[in-house]
Structures are given as structure tokens and as C-alpha cells.
């Protein structure tokens, strides 16, 4: 159910170590006081099921792990139009697409036309069976969460 104009959506697999960093970040952010003005969503690996999140949203912040070209535990913040999906560039099939490919497809369908989208990508260090983040990602997570928190605060202050 859409309650707020802003959503923070954590993506990944909580059972595969650093792959679950999006959910870990959402869990931390959810504990901060936003007076109910932001929806925090643990989305896991939903695929096209996220399309409805664009309805009536002014802003979506996605948090995911990935191959960002950085050292493990470092993160990048970008707009989807600033990057190209590696999977898309290699002609992967639609059932294997990643976040950027999903956003591109949502854009083609007109779902994103009124929504500002930001992606936070944390460079994974370890993808293995574990609910524990690697030490590099544990170390980098507070900085990413602080940046996201500051972005949300700016958004709410300017609203």
C-alpha cells in the first residue's frame, strides 16, 4: 500500500552475506524518526513486482549491492540514467535483469515519469551463505546510511 510520496527500497538476498546490504540498510534507517513520512520496504529480489511502487511516488531511493567498480564496502550514489547495466550490455534475457534494467523497463512502460530515482550501490566483498555482512561492508554501511539519511532529510525539509 502506498502511504507516502517517498520510499526507500532495500534489495538483495539477506541469506547471501553482502548481497543483503540493502535490507540491512533499510532496517537501520527504519529506526530513525521520520514521523511516518517515508515508506521503508524490504523488497528482497522481487523483479517486476516493484512496478506498483512508482505509483504516486515523487521519490524512490533504491539500496542494493552490486559490481560498482569500487573496493568492497565502498558505495556509489547515482541516477539510473548515469549508468548502463552490465547485464543489458551483454544481452542477458529479461528474467535475469538487474535493478538498472528493471528501471529502464519501468521507464519504457511510463511508470517512472513522475518519480525521481536515486540508487545507492554498495560494492559487495563476499557473496556466500550467511546473514552476516563481510567486515568491509559492515565498515562501509554506516557511511552509506548517513548519506541516505541526509538525502531524506533534505527532501523532507524542501517538501
C-alpha atoms as a PDB file:
ATOM      1  CA  UNK A   1       0.000   0.000   0.000  1.00  0.00           C
ATOM      2  CA  UNK A   2       1.346   3.414  -0.996  1.00  0.00           C
ATOM      3  CA  UNK A   3       1.267   5.714   2.036  1.00  0.00           C
ATOM      4  CA  UNK A   4       3.966   8.270   1.381  1.00  0.00           C
ATOM      5  CA  UNK A   5       5.460  10.158  -1.542  1.00  0.00           C
ATOM      6  CA  UNK A   6       8.957   8.857  -0.683  1.00  0.00           C
ATOM      7  CA  UNK A   7      10.065   5.228  -0.485  1.00  0.00           C
ATOM      8  CA  UNK A   8      13.396   3.716   0.453  1.00  0.00           C
ATOM      9  CA  UNK A   9      13.623   0.226  -1.001  1.00  0.00           C
ATOM     10  CA  UNK A  10      16.270  -2.286   0.091  1.00  0.00           C
ATOM     11  CA  UNK A  11      17.052  -5.016  -2.431  1.00  0.00           C
ATOM     12  CA  UNK A  12      19.022  -8.256  -2.319  1.00  0.00           C
ATOM     13  CA  UNK A  13      19.172 -11.580  -0.573  1.00  0.00           C
ATOM     14  CA  UNK A  14      19.573 -11.428   3.208  1.00  0.00           C
ATOM     15  CA  UNK A  15      20.919 -15.005   3.261  1.00  0.00           C
ATOM     16  CA  UNK A  16      23.880 -14.318   0.941  1.00  0.00           C
ATOM     17  CA  UNK A  17      26.134 -12.102   3.087  1.00  0.00           C
ATOM     18  CA  UNK A  18      26.846  -8.782   1.317  1.00  0.00           C
ATOM     19  CA  UNK A  19      24.034  -9.384  -1.172  1.00  0.00           C
ATOM     20  CA  UNK A  20      21.661  -8.430   1.684  1.00  0.00           C
ATOM     21  CA  UNK A  21      23.140  -4.977   2.377  1.00  0.00           C
ATOM     22  CA  UNK A  22      20.013  -3.221   1.046  1.00  0.00           C
ATOM     23  CA  UNK A  23      17.849  -4.894   3.670  1.00  0.00           C
ATOM     24  CA  UNK A  24      20.387  -4.202   6.418  1.00  0.00           C
ATOM     25  CA  UNK A  25      20.399  -0.514   5.456  1.00  0.00           C
ATOM     26  CA  UNK A  26      16.589  -0.288   5.435  1.00  0.00           C
ATOM     27  CA  UNK A  27      16.481  -1.943   8.864  1.00  0.00           C
ATOM     28  CA  UNK A  28      18.805   0.738  10.270  1.00  0.00           C
ATOM     29  CA  UNK A  29      17.032   3.640   8.530  1.00  0.00           C
ATOM     30  CA  UNK A  30      13.623   2.438   9.696  1.00  0.00           C
ATOM     31  CA  UNK A  31      14.719   3.042  13.289  1.00  0.00           C
ATOM     32  CA  UNK A  32      15.279   6.756  12.687  1.00  0.00           C
ATOM     33  CA  UNK A  33      12.384   9.136  13.255  1.00  0.00           C
ATOM     34  CA  UNK A  34      10.759  10.291  10.032  1.00  0.00           C
ATOM     35  CA  UNK A  35       7.302  10.897  11.527  1.00  0.00           C
ATOM     36  CA  UNK A  36       5.845   8.309   9.149  1.00  0.00           C
ATOM     37  CA  UNK A  37       6.705  10.391   6.066  1.00  0.00           C
ATOM     38  CA  UNK A  38       8.816   7.704   4.359  1.00  0.00           C
ATOM     39  CA  UNK A  39       7.933   4.126   3.436  1.00  0.00           C
ATOM     40  CA  UNK A  40      10.775   1.677   4.130  1.00  0.00           C
ATOM     41  CA  UNK A  41      10.485  -1.512   2.113  1.00  0.00           C
ATOM     42  CA  UNK A  42      12.482  -4.749   2.340  1.00  0.00           C
ATOM     43  CA  UNK A  43      11.917  -5.881  -1.221  1.00  0.00           C
ATOM     44  CA  UNK A  44      14.322  -8.801  -1.500  1.00  0.00           C
ATOM     45  CA  UNK A  45      14.610  -9.871  -5.146  1.00  0.00           C
ATOM     46  CA  UNK A  46      11.142  -9.007  -6.466  1.00  0.00           C
ATOM     47  CA  UNK A  47      11.672  -8.357 -10.192  1.00  0.00           C
ATOM     48  CA  UNK A  48       8.775  -6.626 -11.945  1.00  0.00           C
ATOM     49  CA  UNK A  49       6.663  -6.842  -8.770  1.00  0.00           C
ATOM     50  CA  UNK A  50       8.138  -3.469  -7.812  1.00  0.00           C
ATOM     51  CA  UNK A  51       6.384  -1.626 -10.651  1.00  0.00           C
ATOM     52  CA  UNK A  52       3.481  -0.594  -8.419  1.00  0.00           C
ATOM     53  CA  UNK A  53       5.915   1.271  -6.140  1.00  0.00           C
ATOM     54  CA  UNK A  54       6.216   4.018  -8.757  1.00  0.00           C
ATOM     55  CA  UNK A  55       2.506   4.856  -8.497  1.00  0.00           C
ATOM     56  CA  UNK A  56       2.001   8.181  -6.725  1.00  0.00           C
ATOM     57  CA  UNK A  57       5.650   8.374  -5.618  1.00  0.00           C
ATOM     58  CA  UNK A  58       7.653  11.564  -6.005  1.00  0.00           C
ATOM     59  CA  UNK A  59      10.847   9.867  -4.892  1.00  0.00           C
ATOM     60  CA  UNK A  60      12.346   6.382  -4.629  1.00  0.00           C
ATOM     61  CA  UNK A  61      15.746   5.541  -3.197  1.00  0.00           C
ATOM     62  CA  UNK A  62      16.942   2.034  -4.058  1.00  0.00           C
ATOM     63  CA  UNK A  63      19.682   0.384  -1.980  1.00  0.00           C
ATOM     64  CA  UNK A  64      21.451  -2.637  -3.416  1.00  0.00           C
ATOM     65  CA  UNK A  65      24.796  -4.385  -3.580  1.00  0.00           C
ATOM     66  CA  UNK A  66      26.488  -4.846  -6.890  1.00  0.00           C
ATOM     67  CA  UNK A  67      29.517  -4.582  -9.068  1.00  0.00           C
ATOM     68  CA  UNK A  68      30.147  -0.848  -8.758  1.00  0.00           C
ATOM     69  CA  UNK A  69      33.823  -0.990  -9.732  1.00  0.00           C
ATOM     70  CA  UNK A  70      34.846   0.012  -6.204  1.00  0.00           C
ATOM     71  CA  UNK A  71      36.641  -1.621  -3.290  1.00  0.00           C
ATOM     72  CA  UNK A  72      34.395  -3.815  -1.107  1.00  0.00           C
ATOM     73  CA  UNK A  73      32.467  -1.710   1.400  1.00  0.00           C
ATOM     74  CA  UNK A  74      32.613   1.455  -0.728  1.00  0.00           C
ATOM     75  CA  UNK A  75      29.433   2.764  -2.291  1.00  0.00           C
ATOM     76  CA  UNK A  76      28.259   4.911  -5.156  1.00  0.00           C
ATOM     77  CA  UNK A  77      25.177   7.077  -5.424  1.00  0.00           C
ATOM     78  CA  UNK A  78      23.777   7.791  -8.871  1.00  0.00           C
ATOM     79  CA  UNK A  79      20.731   8.408 -11.024  1.00  0.00           C
ATOM     80  CA  UNK A  80      19.779   5.460 -13.259  1.00  0.00           C
ATOM     81  CA  UNK A  81      20.404   7.445 -16.437  1.00  0.00           C
ATOM     82  CA  UNK A  82      24.043   7.912 -15.400  1.00  0.00           C
ATOM     83  CA  UNK A  83      24.935   4.214 -15.799  1.00  0.00           C
ATOM     84  CA  UNK A  84      24.478   1.292 -18.158  1.00  0.00           C
ATOM     85  CA  UNK A  85      23.539  -2.145 -16.901  1.00  0.00           C
ATOM     86  CA  UNK A  86      26.343  -4.642 -17.448  1.00  0.00           C
ATOM     87  CA  UNK A  87      23.747  -7.352 -17.927  1.00  0.00           C
ATOM     88  CA  UNK A  88      21.943  -5.244 -20.527  1.00  0.00           C
ATOM     89  CA  UNK A  89      25.210  -4.563 -22.335  1.00  0.00           C
ATOM     90  CA  UNK A  90      25.831  -8.329 -22.508  1.00  0.00           C
ATOM     91  CA  UNK A  91      22.297  -9.028 -23.818  1.00  0.00           C
ATOM     92  CA  UNK A  92      21.057 -11.044 -20.859  1.00  0.00           C
ATOM     93  CA  UNK A  93      17.476 -12.266 -21.082  1.00  0.00           C
ATOM     94  CA  UNK A  94      14.698 -10.357 -19.300  1.00  0.00           C
ATOM     95  CA  UNK A  95      14.300 -12.890 -16.499  1.00  0.00           C
ATOM     96  CA  UNK A  96      17.889 -12.181 -15.441  1.00  0.00           C
ATOM     97  CA  UNK A  97      17.782  -8.384 -15.443  1.00  0.00           C
ATOM     98  CA  UNK A  98      19.166  -6.299 -12.632  1.00  0.00           C
ATOM     99  CA  UNK A  99      17.996  -3.065 -10.985  1.00  0.00           C
ATOM    100  CA  UNK A 100      19.121  -0.743 -13.785  1.00  0.00           C
ATOM    101  CA  UNK A 101      17.479  -2.958 -16.400  1.00  0.00           C
ATOM    102  CA  UNK A 102      14.317  -3.026 -14.276  1.00  0.00           C
ATOM    103  CA  UNK A 103      14.274   0.785 -14.039  1.00  0.00           C
ATOM    104  CA  UNK A 104      14.875   1.055 -17.795  1.00  0.00           C
ATOM    105  CA  UNK A 105      11.941  -1.295 -18.432  1.00  0.00           C
ATOM    106  CA  UNK A 106       9.727   0.626 -15.972  1.00  0.00           C
ATOM    107  CA  UNK A 107      10.689   3.831 -17.794  1.00  0.00           C
ATOM    108  CA  UNK A 108       9.727   2.281 -21.161  1.00  0.00           C
ATOM    109  CA  UNK A 109       6.343   1.413 -19.646  1.00  0.00           C
ATOM    110  CA  UNK A 110       5.891   5.012 -18.430  1.00  0.00           C
ATOM    111  CA  UNK A 111       5.898   4.037 -14.757  1.00  0.00           C
ATOM    112  CA  UNK A 112       8.788   6.305 -13.755  1.00  0.00           C
ATOM    113  CA  UNK A 113       7.701   9.531 -15.468  1.00  0.00           C
ATOM    114  CA  UNK A 114       6.824  11.408 -12.261  1.00  0.00           C
ATOM    115  CA  UNK A 115       9.304   9.743  -9.913  1.00  0.00           C
ATOM    116  CA  UNK A 116      12.809  10.891  -9.033  1.00  0.00           C
ATOM    117  CA  UNK A 117      15.027   7.830  -8.579  1.00  0.00           C
ATOM    118  CA  UNK A 118      18.353   7.503  -6.799  1.00  0.00           C
ATOM    119  CA  UNK A 119      20.368   4.308  -6.475  1.00  0.00           C
ATOM    120  CA  UNK A 120      22.864   3.555  -3.732  1.00  0.00           C
ATOM    121  CA  UNK A 121      25.119   0.667  -4.748  1.00  0.00           C
ATOM    122  CA  UNK A 122      27.436  -0.906  -2.173  1.00  0.00           C
ATOM    123  CA  UNK A 123      30.336  -2.878  -3.604  1.00  0.00           C
ATOM    124  CA  UNK A 124      29.985  -6.417  -2.265  1.00  0.00           C
ATOM    125  CA  UNK A 125      33.003  -8.192  -0.821  1.00  0.00           C
ATOM    126  CA  UNK A 126      31.583 -11.635  -0.098  1.00  0.00           C
ATOM    127  CA  UNK A 127      28.630 -13.481  -1.571  1.00  0.00           C
ATOM    128  CA  UNK A 128      28.245 -16.689   0.438  1.00  0.00           C
ATOM    129  CA  UNK A 129      25.656 -18.422   2.589  1.00  0.00           C
ATOM    130  CA  UNK A 130      25.499 -16.166   5.641  1.00  0.00           C
ATOM    131  CA  UNK A 131      23.306 -13.500   7.180  1.00  0.00           C
ATOM    132  CA  UNK A 132      26.450 -11.672   8.287  1.00  0.00           C
ATOM    133  CA  UNK A 133      27.917  -8.892   6.168  1.00  0.00           C
ATOM    134  CA  UNK A 134      31.638  -9.009   5.392  1.00  0.00           C
ATOM    135  CA  UNK A 135      33.819  -6.794   7.575  1.00  0.00           C
ATOM    136  CA  UNK A 136      34.389  -4.365   4.659  1.00  0.00           C
ATOM    137  CA  UNK A 137      30.658  -3.914   4.072  1.00  0.00           C
ATOM    138  CA  UNK A 138      29.935  -3.677   7.815  1.00  0.00           C
ATOM    139  CA  UNK A 139      32.515  -0.898   7.951  1.00  0.00           C
ATOM    140  CA  UNK A 140      31.063   0.959   4.940  1.00  0.00           C
ATOM    141  CA  UNK A 141      27.387   0.576   5.837  1.00  0.00           C
ATOM    142  CA  UNK A 142      27.180   3.435   8.413  1.00  0.00           C
ATOM    143  CA  UNK A 143      28.565   5.946   5.890  1.00  0.00           C
ATOM    144  CA  UNK A 144      26.047   4.913   3.247  1.00  0.00           C
ATOM    145  CA  UNK A 145      23.194   5.023   5.765  1.00  0.00           C
ATOM    146  CA  UNK A 146      24.287   8.506   6.886  1.00  0.00           C
ATOM    147  CA  UNK A 147      24.299   9.730   3.270  1.00  0.00           C
ATOM    148  CA  UNK A 148      20.825   8.287   2.669  1.00  0.00           C
ATOM    149  CA  UNK A 149      19.582   9.790   5.924  1.00  0.00           C
ATOM    150  CA  UNK A 150      20.938  13.213   4.881  1.00  0.00           C
ATOM    151  CA  UNK A 151      19.256  12.882   1.475  1.00  0.00           C
ATOM    152  CA  UNK A 152      15.917  12.042   3.085  1.00  0.00           C
ATOM    153  CA  UNK A 153      16.267  14.969   5.494  1.00  0.00           C
ATOM    154  CA  UNK A 154      16.975  17.370   2.595  1.00  0.00           C
ATOM    155  CA  UNK A 155      13.974  16.019   0.719  1.00  0.00           C
ATOM    156  CA  UNK A 156      11.626  16.387   3.679  1.00  0.00           C
ATOM    157  CA  UNK A 157      12.938  19.865   4.510  1.00  0.00           C
ATOM    158  CA  UNK A 158      12.418  21.070   0.920  1.00  0.00           C
ATOM    159  CA  UNK A 159       8.945  19.498   0.590  1.00  0.00           C
END
